[in-house]
Amino acid sequence: MQNLDVKAVVCPKCGVPVNGNNAESNSEDRNNGWWNLLGFFFPIVGWILWAVWHKEYPKRAHGICVWSWVGFVISFVISFLSSI
C-alpha cells in the first residue's frame, strides 16, 4: 500500500481525485471562534452564514450552525423561564 503525498490532488497510480487531503483547502476551512460567537448571539445570522458557506467551507459552516442552535435554545429556555 502506497501513502499519498499530503499535497497530492490526484492519485499518482490511478488518477482518482483526492478530496480533503491538500493543505490549501484545510487552511481556509477551519472553525473560527468569532464566527461561532456571532452565531451564538444572533442565531439567524449564523443560519444565513451556514447557508452561504455549507458547500465551500463545511467545517466552518457546521461550527456556526451548531453554535447558532445552542444560542437559540438557550435564549428560548431563558425566555420561557422568565415568562413563568
PDB file of N, CA and C in Angstrom:
ATOM      1  N   MET A   1       0.845  -1.177   0.000  1.00  0.00           N
ATOM      2  CA  MET A   1       0.000   0.000   0.000  1.00  0.00           C
ATOM      3  C   MET A   1       0.888   1.236   0.000  1.00  0.00           C
ATOM      4  N   GLN A   2       0.594   2.161  -0.894  1.00  0.00           N
ATOM      5  CA  GLN A   2       1.406   3.351  -1.063  1.00  0.00           C
ATOM      6  C   GLN A   2       0.726   4.544  -0.396  1.00  0.00           C
ATOM      7  N   ASN A   3       1.484   5.311   0.394  1.00  0.00           N
ATOM      8  CA  ASN A   3       0.936   6.514   1.018  1.00  0.00           C
ATOM      9  C   ASN A   3       0.980   7.663   0.030  1.00  0.00           C
ATOM     10  N   LEU A   4      -0.065   8.480   0.044  1.00  0.00           N
ATOM     11  CA  LEU A   4      -0.130   9.641  -0.825  1.00  0.00           C
ATOM     12  C   LEU A   4       0.596  10.813  -0.188  1.00  0.00           C
ATOM     13  N   ASP A   5       1.151  11.668  -1.044  1.00  0.00           N
ATOM     14  CA  ASP A   5       1.749  12.904  -0.583  1.00  0.00           C
ATOM     15  C   ASP A   5       0.643  13.797  -0.015  1.00  0.00           C
ATOM     16  N   VAL A   6       0.958  14.583   1.003  1.00  0.00           N
ATOM     17  CA  VAL A   6      -0.030  15.432   1.652  1.00  0.00           C
ATOM     18  C   VAL A   6      -0.607  16.449   0.668  1.00  0.00           C
ATOM     19  N   LYS A   7       0.204  16.921  -0.264  1.00  0.00           N
ATOM     20  CA  LYS A   7      -0.237  17.936  -1.213  1.00  0.00           C
ATOM     21  C   LYS A   7      -0.798  17.341  -2.506  1.00  0.00           C
ATOM     22  N   ALA A   8      -0.961  16.022  -2.567  1.00  0.00           N
ATOM     23  CA  ALA A   8      -1.444  15.378  -3.788  1.00  0.00           C
ATOM     24  C   ALA A   8      -2.888  15.762  -4.070  1.00  0.00           C
ATOM     25  N   VAL A   9      -3.157  16.072  -5.331  1.00  0.00           N
ATOM     26  CA  VAL A   9      -4.501  16.403  -5.765  1.00  0.00           C
ATOM     27  C   VAL A   9      -5.168  15.179  -6.387  1.00  0.00           C
ATOM     28  N   VAL A  10      -4.358  14.362  -7.072  1.00  0.00           N
ATOM     29  CA  VAL A  10      -4.848  13.112  -7.664  1.00  0.00           C
ATOM     30  C   VAL A  10      -3.914  11.979  -7.273  1.00  0.00           C
ATOM     31  N   CYS A  11      -4.427  10.766  -7.301  1.00  0.00           N
ATOM     32  CA  CYS A  11      -3.623   9.590  -7.009  1.00  0.00           C
ATOM     33  C   CYS A  11      -2.641   9.363  -8.166  1.00  0.00           C
ATOM     34  N   PRO A  12      -1.335   9.223  -7.880  1.00  0.00           N
ATOM     35  CA  PRO A  12      -0.368   9.029  -8.961  1.00  0.00           C
ATOM     36  C   PRO A  12      -0.505   7.676  -9.655  1.00  0.00           C
ATOM     37  N   LYS A  13      -1.126   6.723  -8.990  1.00  0.00           N
ATOM     38  CA  LYS A  13      -1.253   5.383  -9.566  1.00  0.00           C
ATOM     39  C   LYS A  13      -2.480   5.258 -10.479  1.00  0.00           C
ATOM     40  N   CYS A  14      -3.638   5.764 -10.013  1.00  0.00           N
ATOM     41  CA  CYS A  14      -4.874   5.564 -10.792  1.00  0.00           C
ATOM     42  C   CYS A  14      -5.488   6.858 -11.320  1.00  0.00           C
ATOM     43  N   GLY A  15      -5.057   8.020 -10.814  1.00  0.00           N
ATOM     44  CA  GLY A  15      -5.568   9.290 -11.310  1.00  0.00           C
ATOM     45  C   GLY A  15      -6.876   9.751 -10.682  1.00  0.00           C
ATOM     46  N   VAL A  16      -7.330   9.071  -9.655  1.00  0.00           N
ATOM     47  CA  VAL A  16      -8.569   9.456  -8.986  1.00  0.00           C
ATOM     48  C   VAL A  16      -8.316  10.697  -8.133  1.00  0.00           C
ATOM     49  N   PRO A  17      -9.210  11.699  -8.209  1.00  0.00           N
ATOM     50  CA  PRO A  17      -9.026  12.899  -7.383  1.00  0.00           C
ATOM     51  C   PRO A  17      -9.064  12.572  -5.893  1.00  0.00           C
ATOM     52  N   VAL A  18      -8.188  13.219  -5.150  1.00  0.00           N
ATOM     53  CA  VAL A  18      -8.105  13.040  -3.702  1.00  0.00           C
ATOM     54  C   VAL A  18      -8.740  14.269  -3.070  1.00  0.00           C
ATOM     55  N   ASN A  19      -9.812  14.079  -2.322  1.00  0.00           N
ATOM     56  CA  ASN A  19     -10.524  15.205  -1.702  1.00  0.00           C
ATOM     57  C   ASN A  19     -10.120  15.368  -0.256  1.00  0.00           C
ATOM     58  N   GLY A  20      -9.913  16.623   0.165  1.00  0.00           N
ATOM     59  CA  GLY A  20      -9.678  16.935   1.567  1.00  0.00           C
ATOM     60  C   GLY A  20      -8.270  16.678   2.052  1.00  0.00           C
ATOM     61  N   ASN A  21      -7.350  16.269   1.206  1.00  0.00           N
ATOM     62  CA  ASN A  21      -6.002  15.984   1.677  1.00  0.00           C
ATOM     63  C   ASN A  21      -5.017  17.099   1.404  1.00  0.00           C
ATOM     64  N   ASN A  22      -5.359  18.066   0.568  1.00  0.00           N
ATOM     65  CA  ASN A  22      -4.357  19.096   0.315  1.00  0.00           C
ATOM     66  C   ASN A  22      -4.433  20.180   1.371  1.00  0.00           C
ATOM     67  N   ALA A  23      -3.303  20.796   1.654  1.00  0.00           N
ATOM     68  CA  ALA A  23      -3.189  21.752   2.751  1.00  0.00           C
ATOM     69  C   ALA A  23      -3.909  23.053   2.448  1.00  0.00           C
ATOM     70  N   GLU A  24      -4.068  23.421   1.194  1.00  0.00           N
ATOM     71  CA  GLU A  24      -4.698  24.686   0.860  1.00  0.00           C
ATOM     72  C   GLU A  24      -6.162  24.723   1.288  1.00  0.00           C
ATOM     73  N   SER A  25      -6.911  23.676   1.016  1.00  0.00           N
ATOM     74  CA  SER A  25      -8.329  23.680   1.363  1.00  0.00           C
ATOM     75  C   SER A  25      -8.538  23.620   2.874  1.00  0.00           C
ATOM     76  N   ASN A  26      -7.677  22.940   3.592  1.00  0.00           N
ATOM     77  CA  ASN A  26      -7.830  22.813   5.040  1.00  0.00           C
ATOM     78  C   ASN A  26      -7.475  24.089   5.782  1.00  0.00           C
ATOM     79  N   SER A  27      -6.583  24.916   5.233  1.00  0.00           N
ATOM     80  CA  SER A  27      -6.168  26.116   5.948  1.00  0.00           C
ATOM     81  C   SER A  27      -7.281  27.156   6.011  1.00  0.00           C
ATOM     82  N   GLU A  28      -8.122  27.244   4.983  1.00  0.00           N
ATOM     83  CA  GLU A  28      -9.201  28.222   4.993  1.00  0.00           C
ATOM     84  C   GLU A  28     -10.454  27.694   5.674  1.00  0.00           C
ATOM     85  N   ASP A  29     -10.680  26.405   5.635  1.00  0.00           N
ATOM     86  CA  ASP A  29     -11.882  25.823   6.216  1.00  0.00           C
ATOM     87  C   ASP A  29     -11.590  25.313   7.615  1.00  0.00           C
ATOM     88  N   ARG A  30     -11.585  26.217   8.552  1.00  0.00           N
ATOM     89  CA  ARG A  30     -11.393  25.823   9.940  1.00  0.00           C
ATOM     90  C   ARG A  30     -12.424  26.543  10.785  1.00  0.00           C
ATOM     91  N   ASN A  31     -12.697  25.961  11.893  1.00  0.00           N
ATOM     92  CA  ASN A  31     -13.689  26.515  12.797  1.00  0.00           C
ATOM     93  C   ASN A  31     -13.122  27.774  13.442  1.00  0.00           C
ATOM     94  N   ASN A  32     -13.887  28.846  13.421  1.00  0.00           N
ATOM     95  CA  ASN A  32     -13.411  30.116  13.946  1.00  0.00           C
ATOM     96  C   ASN A  32     -14.309  30.546  15.105  1.00  0.00           C
ATOM     97  N   GLY A  33     -13.706  30.844  16.222  1.00  0.00           N
ATOM     98  CA  GLY A  33     -14.456  31.200  17.422  1.00  0.00           C
ATOM     99  C   GLY A  33     -15.269  32.476  17.288  1.00  0.00           C
ATOM    100  N   TRP A  34     -14.782  33.453  16.541  1.00  0.00           N
ATOM    101  CA  TRP A  34     -15.511  34.711  16.395  1.00  0.00           C
ATOM    102  C   TRP A  34     -16.804  34.511  15.615  1.00  0.00           C
ATOM    103  N   TRP A  35     -16.769  33.698  14.564  1.00  0.00           N
ATOM    104  CA  TRP A  35     -17.995  33.418  13.806  1.00  0.00           C
ATOM    105  C   TRP A  35     -18.972  32.631  14.672  1.00  0.00           C
ATOM    106  N   ASN A  36     -18.449  31.694  15.455  1.00  0.00           N
ATOM    107  CA  ASN A  36     -19.311  30.905  16.345  1.00  0.00           C
ATOM    108  C   ASN A  36     -19.972  31.806  17.389  1.00  0.00           C
ATOM    109  N   LEU A  37     -19.220  32.757  17.910  1.00  0.00           N
ATOM    110  CA  LEU A  37     -19.764  33.695  18.889  1.00  0.00           C
ATOM    111  C   LEU A  37     -20.862  34.556  18.270  1.00  0.00           C
ATOM    112  N   LEU A  38     -20.650  34.986  17.029  1.00  0.00           N
ATOM    113  CA  LEU A  38     -21.678  35.751  16.322  1.00  0.00           C
ATOM    114  C   LEU A  38     -22.939  34.912  16.145  1.00  0.00           C
ATOM    115  N   GLY A  39     -22.783  33.653  15.764  1.00  0.00           N
ATOM    116  CA  GLY A  39     -23.922  32.759  15.618  1.00  0.00           C
ATOM    117  C   GLY A  39     -24.626  32.484  16.926  1.00  0.00           C
ATOM    118  N   PHE A  40     -23.876  32.436  18.016  1.00  0.00           N
ATOM    119  CA  PHE A  40     -24.466  32.191  19.330  1.00  0.00           C
ATOM    120  C   PHE A  40     -25.387  33.338  19.741  1.00  0.00           C
ATOM    121  N   PHE A  41     -24.927  34.579  19.579  1.00  0.00           N
ATOM    122  CA  PHE A  41     -25.716  35.729  19.998  1.00  0.00           C
ATOM    123  C   PHE A  41     -26.775  36.150  18.976  1.00  0.00           C
ATOM    124  N   PHE A  42     -26.550  35.840  17.705  1.00  0.00           N
ATOM    125  CA  PHE A  42     -27.500  36.177  16.641  1.00  0.00           C
ATOM    126  C   PHE A  42     -27.719  34.939  15.774  1.00  0.00           C
ATOM    127  N   PRO A  43     -28.561  34.004  16.240  1.00  0.00           N
ATOM    128  CA  PRO A  43     -28.731  32.735  15.533  1.00  0.00           C
ATOM    129  C   PRO A  43     -29.157  32.875  14.075  1.00  0.00           C
ATOM    130  N   ILE A  44     -29.992  33.837  13.763  1.00  0.00           N
ATOM    131  CA  ILE A  44     -30.438  33.985  12.377  1.00  0.00           C
ATOM    132  C   ILE A  44     -29.264  34.305  11.457  1.00  0.00           C
ATOM    133  N   VAL A  45     -28.317  35.095  11.948  1.00  0.00           N
ATOM    134  CA  VAL A  45     -27.117  35.403  11.169  1.00  0.00           C
ATOM    135  C   VAL A  45     -26.293  34.138  10.971  1.00  0.00           C
ATOM    136  N   GLY A  46     -26.191  33.316  12.010  1.00  0.00           N
ATOM    137  CA  GLY A  46     -25.454  32.061  11.905  1.00  0.00           C
ATOM    138  C   GLY A  46     -26.063  31.114  10.888  1.00  0.00           C
ATOM    139  N   TRP A  47     -27.389  31.039  10.863  1.00  0.00           N
ATOM    140  CA  TRP A  47     -28.044  30.154   9.902  1.00  0.00           C
ATOM    141  C   TRP A  47     -27.880  30.662   8.471  1.00  0.00           C
ATOM    142  N   ILE A  48     -27.903  31.982   8.306  1.00  0.00           N
ATOM    143  CA  ILE A  48     -27.676  32.553   6.973  1.00  0.00           C
ATOM    144  C   ILE A  48     -26.250  32.261   6.519  1.00  0.00           C
ATOM    145  N   LEU A  49     -25.284  32.431   7.421  1.00  0.00           N
ATOM    146  CA  LEU A  49     -23.893  32.131   7.063  1.00  0.00           C
ATOM    147  C   LEU A  49     -23.716  30.649   6.759  1.00  0.00           C
ATOM    148  N   TRP A  50     -24.414  29.782   7.473  1.00  0.00           N
ATOM    149  CA  TRP A  50     -24.350  28.358   7.169  1.00  0.00           C
ATOM    150  C   TRP A  50     -24.831  28.105   5.741  1.00  0.00           C
ATOM    151  N   ALA A  51     -25.936  28.743   5.369  1.00  0.00           N
ATOM    152  CA  ALA A  51     -26.484  28.549   4.025  1.00  0.00           C
ATOM    153  C   ALA A  51     -25.512  29.029   2.950  1.00  0.00           C
ATOM    154  N   VAL A  52     -24.759  30.061   3.257  1.00  0.00           N
ATOM    155  CA  VAL A  52     -23.800  30.597   2.291  1.00  0.00           C
ATOM    156  C   VAL A  52     -22.539  29.733   2.228  1.00  0.00           C
ATOM    157  N   TRP A  53     -22.088  29.230   3.371  1.00  0.00           N
ATOM    158  CA  TRP A  53     -20.790  28.556   3.449  1.00  0.00           C
ATOM    159  C   TRP A  53     -20.837  27.038   3.406  1.00  0.00           C
ATOM    160  N   HIS A  54     -21.988  26.387   3.489  1.00  0.00           N
ATOM    161  CA  HIS A  54     -22.007  24.943   3.728  1.00  0.00           C
ATOM    162  C   HIS A  54     -21.343  24.108   2.639  1.00  0.00           C
ATOM    163  N   LYS A  55     -21.214  24.609   1.436  1.00  0.00           N
ATOM    164  CA  LYS A  55     -20.520  23.846   0.398  1.00  0.00           C
ATOM    165  C   LYS A  55     -19.043  24.210   0.300  1.00  0.00           C
ATOM    166  N   GLU A  56     -18.744  25.495   0.441  1.00  0.00           N
ATOM    167  CA  GLU A  56     -17.367  25.948   0.273  1.00  0.00           C
ATOM    168  C   GLU A  56     -16.512  25.729   1.521  1.00  0.00           C
ATOM    169  N   TYR A  57     -17.080  25.976   2.693  1.00  0.00           N
ATOM    170  CA  TYR A  57     -16.370  25.826   3.967  1.00  0.00           C
ATOM    171  C   TYR A  57     -17.197  24.958   4.913  1.00  0.00           C
ATOM    172  N   PRO A  58     -17.243  23.654   4.719  1.00  0.00           N
ATOM    173  CA  PRO A  58     -18.147  22.815   5.531  1.00  0.00           C
ATOM    174  C   PRO A  58     -17.836  22.793   7.019  1.00  0.00           C
ATOM    175  N   LYS A  59     -16.572  22.804   7.415  1.00  0.00           N
ATOM    176  CA  LYS A  59     -16.245  22.779   8.848  1.00  0.00           C
ATOM    177  C   LYS A  59     -16.672  24.072   9.531  1.00  0.00           C
ATOM    178  N   ARG A  60     -16.371  25.191   8.901  1.00  0.00           N
ATOM    179  CA  ARG A  60     -16.750  26.488   9.458  1.00  0.00           C
ATOM    180  C   ARG A  60     -18.266  26.607   9.523  1.00  0.00           C
ATOM    181  N   ALA A  61     -18.949  26.177   8.479  1.00  0.00           N
ATOM    182  CA  ALA A  61     -20.410  26.250   8.437  1.00  0.00           C
ATOM    183  C   ALA A  61     -21.037  25.368   9.512  1.00  0.00           C
ATOM    184  N   HIS A  62     -20.491  24.178   9.705  1.00  0.00           N
ATOM    185  CA  HIS A  62     -21.024  23.279  10.734  1.00  0.00           C
ATOM    186  C   HIS A  62     -20.872  23.897  12.122  1.00  0.00           C
ATOM    187  N   GLY A  63     -19.718  24.462  12.388  1.00  0.00           N
ATOM    188  CA  GLY A  63     -19.482  25.074  13.698  1.00  0.00           C
ATOM    189  C   GLY A  63     -20.432  26.218  13.981  1.00  0.00           C
ATOM    190  N   ILE A  64     -20.614  27.083  13.009  1.00  0.00           N
ATOM    191  CA  ILE A  64     -21.501  28.225  13.234  1.00  0.00           C
ATOM    192  C   ILE A  64     -22.954  27.784  13.347  1.00  0.00           C
ATOM    193  N   CYS A  65     -23.330  26.732  12.635  1.00  0.00           N
ATOM    194  CA  CYS A  65     -24.701  26.220  12.731  1.00  0.00           C
ATOM    195  C   CYS A  65     -24.958  25.621  14.118  1.00  0.00           C
ATOM    196  N   VAL A  66     -24.009  24.868  14.618  1.00  0.00           N
ATOM    197  CA  VAL A  66     -24.159  24.268  15.951  1.00  0.00           C
ATOM    198  C   VAL A  66     -24.293  25.359  17.011  1.00  0.00           C
ATOM    199  N   TRP A  67     -23.425  26.371  16.968  1.00  0.00           N
ATOM    200  CA  TRP A  67     -23.476  27.425  17.977  1.00  0.00           C
ATOM    201  C   TRP A  67     -24.713  28.293  17.828  1.00  0.00           C
ATOM    202  N   SER A  68     -25.233  28.414  16.604  1.00  0.00           N
ATOM    203  CA  SER A  68     -26.487  29.150  16.412  1.00  0.00           C
ATOM    204  C   SER A  68     -27.636  28.422  17.081  1.00  0.00           C
ATOM    205  N   TRP A  69     -27.677  27.101  16.935  1.00  0.00           N
ATOM    206  CA  TRP A  69     -28.732  26.321  17.599  1.00  0.00           C
ATOM    207  C   TRP A  69     -28.589  26.375  19.114  1.00  0.00           C
ATOM    208  N   VAL A  70     -27.356  26.318  19.603  1.00  0.00           N
ATOM    209  CA  VAL A  70     -27.131  26.406  21.054  1.00  0.00           C
ATOM    210  C   VAL A  70     -27.637  27.745  21.572  1.00  0.00           C
ATOM    211  N   GLY A  71     -27.282  28.823  20.880  1.00  0.00           N
ATOM    212  CA  GLY A  71     -27.742  30.150  21.290  1.00  0.00           C
ATOM    213  C   GLY A  71     -29.252  30.284  21.235  1.00  0.00           C
ATOM    214  N   PHE A  72     -29.858  29.706  20.203  1.00  0.00           N
ATOM    215  CA  PHE A  72     -31.312  29.767  20.061  1.00  0.00           C
ATOM    216  C   PHE A  72     -31.999  29.013  21.198  1.00  0.00           C
ATOM    217  N   VAL A  73     -31.542  27.822  21.503  1.00  0.00           N
ATOM    218  CA  VAL A  73     -32.158  27.009  22.559  1.00  0.00           C
ATOM    219  C   VAL A  73     -31.997  27.686  23.917  1.00  0.00           C
ATOM    220  N   ILE A  74     -30.819  28.206  24.188  1.00  0.00           N
ATOM    221  CA  ILE A  74     -30.604  28.874  25.478  1.00  0.00           C
ATOM    222  C   ILE A  74     -31.489  30.111  25.605  1.00  0.00           C
ATOM    223  N   SER A  75     -31.574  30.908  24.539  1.00  0.00           N
ATOM    224  CA  SER A  75     -32.430  32.099  24.614  1.00  0.00           C
ATOM    225  C   SER A  75     -33.907  31.713  24.736  1.00  0.00           C
ATOM    226  N   PHE A  76     -34.307  30.619  24.096  1.00  0.00           N
ATOM    227  CA  PHE A  76     -35.682  30.140  24.213  1.00  0.00           C
ATOM    228  C   PHE A  76     -35.979  29.693  25.641  1.00  0.00           C
ATOM    229  N   VAL A  77     -35.077  28.954  26.237  1.00  0.00           N
ATOM    230  CA  VAL A  77     -35.271  28.482  27.615  1.00  0.00           C
ATOM    231  C   VAL A  77     -35.312  29.654  28.581  1.00  0.00           C
ATOM    232  N   ILE A  78     -34.431  30.620  28.402  1.00  0.00           N
ATOM    233  CA  ILE A  78     -34.436  31.795  29.284  1.00  0.00           C
ATOM    234  C   ILE A  78     -35.739  32.580  29.128  1.00  0.00           C
ATOM    235  N   SER A  79     -36.197  32.742  27.903  1.00  0.00           N
ATOM    236  CA  SER A  79     -37.466  33.454  27.670  1.00  0.00           C
ATOM    237  C   SER A  79     -38.640  32.700  28.294  1.00  0.00           C
ATOM    238  N   PHE A  80     -38.641  31.391  28.158  1.00  0.00           N
ATOM    239  CA  PHE A  80     -39.716  30.570  28.730  1.00  0.00           C
ATOM    240  C   PHE A  80     -39.716  30.664  30.255  1.00  0.00           C
ATOM    241  N   LEU A  81     -38.546  30.539  30.853  1.00  0.00           N
ATOM    242  CA  LEU A  81     -38.458  30.583  32.310  1.00  0.00           C
ATOM    243  C   LEU A  81     -38.796  31.964  32.860  1.00  0.00           C
ATOM    244  N   SER A  82     -38.459  33.000  32.138  1.00  0.00           N
ATOM    245  CA  SER A  82     -38.765  34.354  32.628  1.00  0.00           C
ATOM    246  C   SER A  82     -40.248  34.699  32.493  1.00  0.00           C
ATOM    247  N   SER A  83     -40.957  33.956  31.632  1.00  0.00           N
ATOM    248  CA  SER A  83     -42.393  34.234  31.471  1.00  0.00           C
ATOM    249  C   SER A  83     -43.245  33.504  32.513  1.00  0.00           C
ATOM    250  N   ILE A  84     -42.643  32.617  33.238  1.00  0.00           N
ATOM    251  CA  ILE A  84     -43.394  31.844  34.258  1.00  0.00           C
ATOM    252  C   ILE A  84     -43.578  32.673  35.511  1.00  0.00           C
TER     253      ILE A  84
END
